[in-house]
Amino acid sequence: MACSLLLEIKASLETLESWQNKESTQAQVRQLISNILYDEIAGLPINDYEEKEIEEYTNVIYLHVFR
């Protein structure tokens, strides 16, 4: 899952110009990560994770791609 998540995020970032400089675009990237983690087919098994855990994973992944 980690590899496909990173590939999907990188593909989306290629279409966003200067996303790190714009708060609205940063929010879009954060939402993209969250959507992928919540995806019923490719995401995390929601029954095994609490919402707070998924939010924490979203933040960690976001910080990773922001660098």
C-alpha atoms as a PDB file:
ATOM      1  CA  MET A   1       0.000   0.000   0.000  1.00  0.00           C
ATOM      2  CA  ALA A   2       2.816   2.419   0.844  1.00  0.00           C
ATOM      3  CA  CYS A   3       4.307   2.277  -2.641  1.00  0.00           C
ATOM      4  CA  SER A   4       0.990   2.767  -4.422  1.00  0.00           C
ATOM      5  CA  LEU A   5       0.102   5.608  -2.050  1.00  0.00           C
ATOM      6  CA  LEU A   6       3.374   7.394  -2.724  1.00  0.00           C
ATOM      7  CA  LEU A   7       3.069   6.888  -6.487  1.00  0.00           C
ATOM      8  CA  GLU A   8      -0.460   8.285  -6.509  1.00  0.00           C
ATOM      9  CA  ILE A   9       0.561  11.304  -4.446  1.00  0.00           C
ATOM     10  CA  LYS A  10       3.602  12.018  -6.624  1.00  0.00           C
ATOM     11  CA  ALA A  11       1.484  11.800  -9.768  1.00  0.00           C
ATOM     12  CA  SER A  12      -0.959  14.312  -8.314  1.00  0.00           C
ATOM     13  CA  LEU A  13       1.823  16.637  -7.182  1.00  0.00           C
ATOM     14  CA  GLU A  14       3.182  16.819 -10.729  1.00  0.00           C
ATOM     15  CA  THR A  15       0.015  18.600 -11.787  1.00  0.00           C
ATOM     16  CA  LEU A  16       0.139  21.111  -8.917  1.00  0.00           C
ATOM     17  CA  GLU A  17       2.456  24.050  -9.389  1.00  0.00           C
ATOM     18  CA  SER A  18       4.199  25.351  -6.249  1.00  0.00           C
ATOM     19  CA  TRP A  19       1.826  23.399  -4.033  1.00  0.00           C
ATOM     20  CA  GLN A  20       4.033  23.880  -0.979  1.00  0.00           C
ATOM     21  CA  ASN A  21       3.619  27.660  -1.185  1.00  0.00           C
ATOM     22  CA  LYS A  22      -0.181  27.738  -1.263  1.00  0.00           C
ATOM     23  CA  GLU A  23      -2.337  26.831   1.716  1.00  0.00           C
ATOM     24  CA  SER A  24      -5.280  25.805  -0.442  1.00  0.00           C
ATOM     25  CA  THR A  25      -3.136  23.428  -2.471  1.00  0.00           C
ATOM     26  CA  GLN A  26      -1.527  22.051   0.685  1.00  0.00           C
ATOM     27  CA  ALA A  27      -5.032  21.278   1.933  1.00  0.00           C
ATOM     28  CA  GLN A  28      -5.790  19.493  -1.342  1.00  0.00           C
ATOM     29  CA  VAL A  29      -2.721  17.289  -0.912  1.00  0.00           C
ATOM     30  CA  ARG A  30      -3.642  16.499   2.694  1.00  0.00           C
ATOM     31  CA  GLN A  31      -7.190  15.608   1.582  1.00  0.00           C
ATOM     32  CA  LEU A  32      -5.851  13.418  -1.220  1.00  0.00           C
ATOM     33  CA  ILE A  33      -3.783  11.443   1.289  1.00  0.00           C
ATOM     34  CA  SER A  34      -6.748  11.086   3.611  1.00  0.00           C
ATOM     35  CA  ASN A  35      -9.006   9.951   0.769  1.00  0.00           C
ATOM     36  CA  ILE A  36      -6.508   7.291  -0.264  1.00  0.00           C
ATOM     37  CA  LEU A  37      -6.220   5.995   3.296  1.00  0.00           C
ATOM     38  CA  TYR A  38     -10.017   5.841   3.613  1.00  0.00           C
ATOM     39  CA  ASP A  39     -10.521   4.235   0.191  1.00  0.00           C
ATOM     40  CA  GLU A  40     -12.588   1.053   0.575  1.00  0.00           C
ATOM     41  CA  ILE A  41     -10.590  -0.904  -1.989  1.00  0.00           C
ATOM     42  CA  ALA A  42      -6.996   0.346  -1.763  1.00  0.00           C
ATOM     43  CA  GLY A  43      -6.974   2.043   1.629  1.00  0.00           C
ATOM     44  CA  LEU A  44      -6.468   0.888   5.167  1.00  0.00           C
ATOM     45  CA  PRO A  45      -8.922  -1.610   6.648  1.00  0.00           C
ATOM     46  CA  ILE A  46     -11.081   0.975   8.415  1.00  0.00           C
ATOM     47  CA  ASN A  47     -12.417  -1.506  10.961  1.00  0.00           C
ATOM     48  CA  ASP A  48      -8.860  -2.052  12.233  1.00  0.00           C
ATOM     49  CA  TYR A  49      -8.020   1.646  12.718  1.00  0.00           C
ATOM     50  CA  GLU A  50      -9.631   4.429  14.669  1.00  0.00           C
ATOM     51  CA  GLU A  51     -10.261   7.757  12.971  1.00  0.00           C
ATOM     52  CA  LYS A  52      -7.591   9.428  15.092  1.00  0.00           C
ATOM     53  CA  GLU A  53      -4.977   6.892  13.928  1.00  0.00           C
ATOM     54  CA  ILE A  54      -5.802   7.530  10.298  1.00  0.00           C
ATOM     55  CA  GLU A  55      -5.535  11.281  10.882  1.00  0.00           C
ATOM     56  CA  GLU A  56      -2.102  10.728  12.433  1.00  0.00           C
ATOM     57  CA  TYR A  57      -1.010   8.626   9.443  1.00  0.00           C
ATOM     58  CA  THR A  58      -2.301  11.342   7.125  1.00  0.00           C
ATOM     59  CA  ASN A  59      -0.174  13.920   8.936  1.00  0.00           C
ATOM     60  CA  VAL A  60       2.960  11.744   8.894  1.00  0.00           C
ATOM     61  CA  ILE A  61       2.592  11.010   5.185  1.00  0.00           C
ATOM     62  CA  TYR A  62       1.872  14.668   4.429  1.00  0.00           C
ATOM     63  CA  LEU A  63       5.005  15.783   6.266  1.00  0.00           C
ATOM     64  CA  HIS A  64       7.002  13.190   4.339  1.00  0.00           C
ATOM     65  CA  VAL A  65       5.897  14.437   0.922  1.00  0.00           C
ATOM     66  CA  PHE A  66       6.114  18.100   1.973  1.00  0.00           C
ATOM     67  CA  ARG A  67       9.889  17.790   2.403  1.00  0.00           C
END
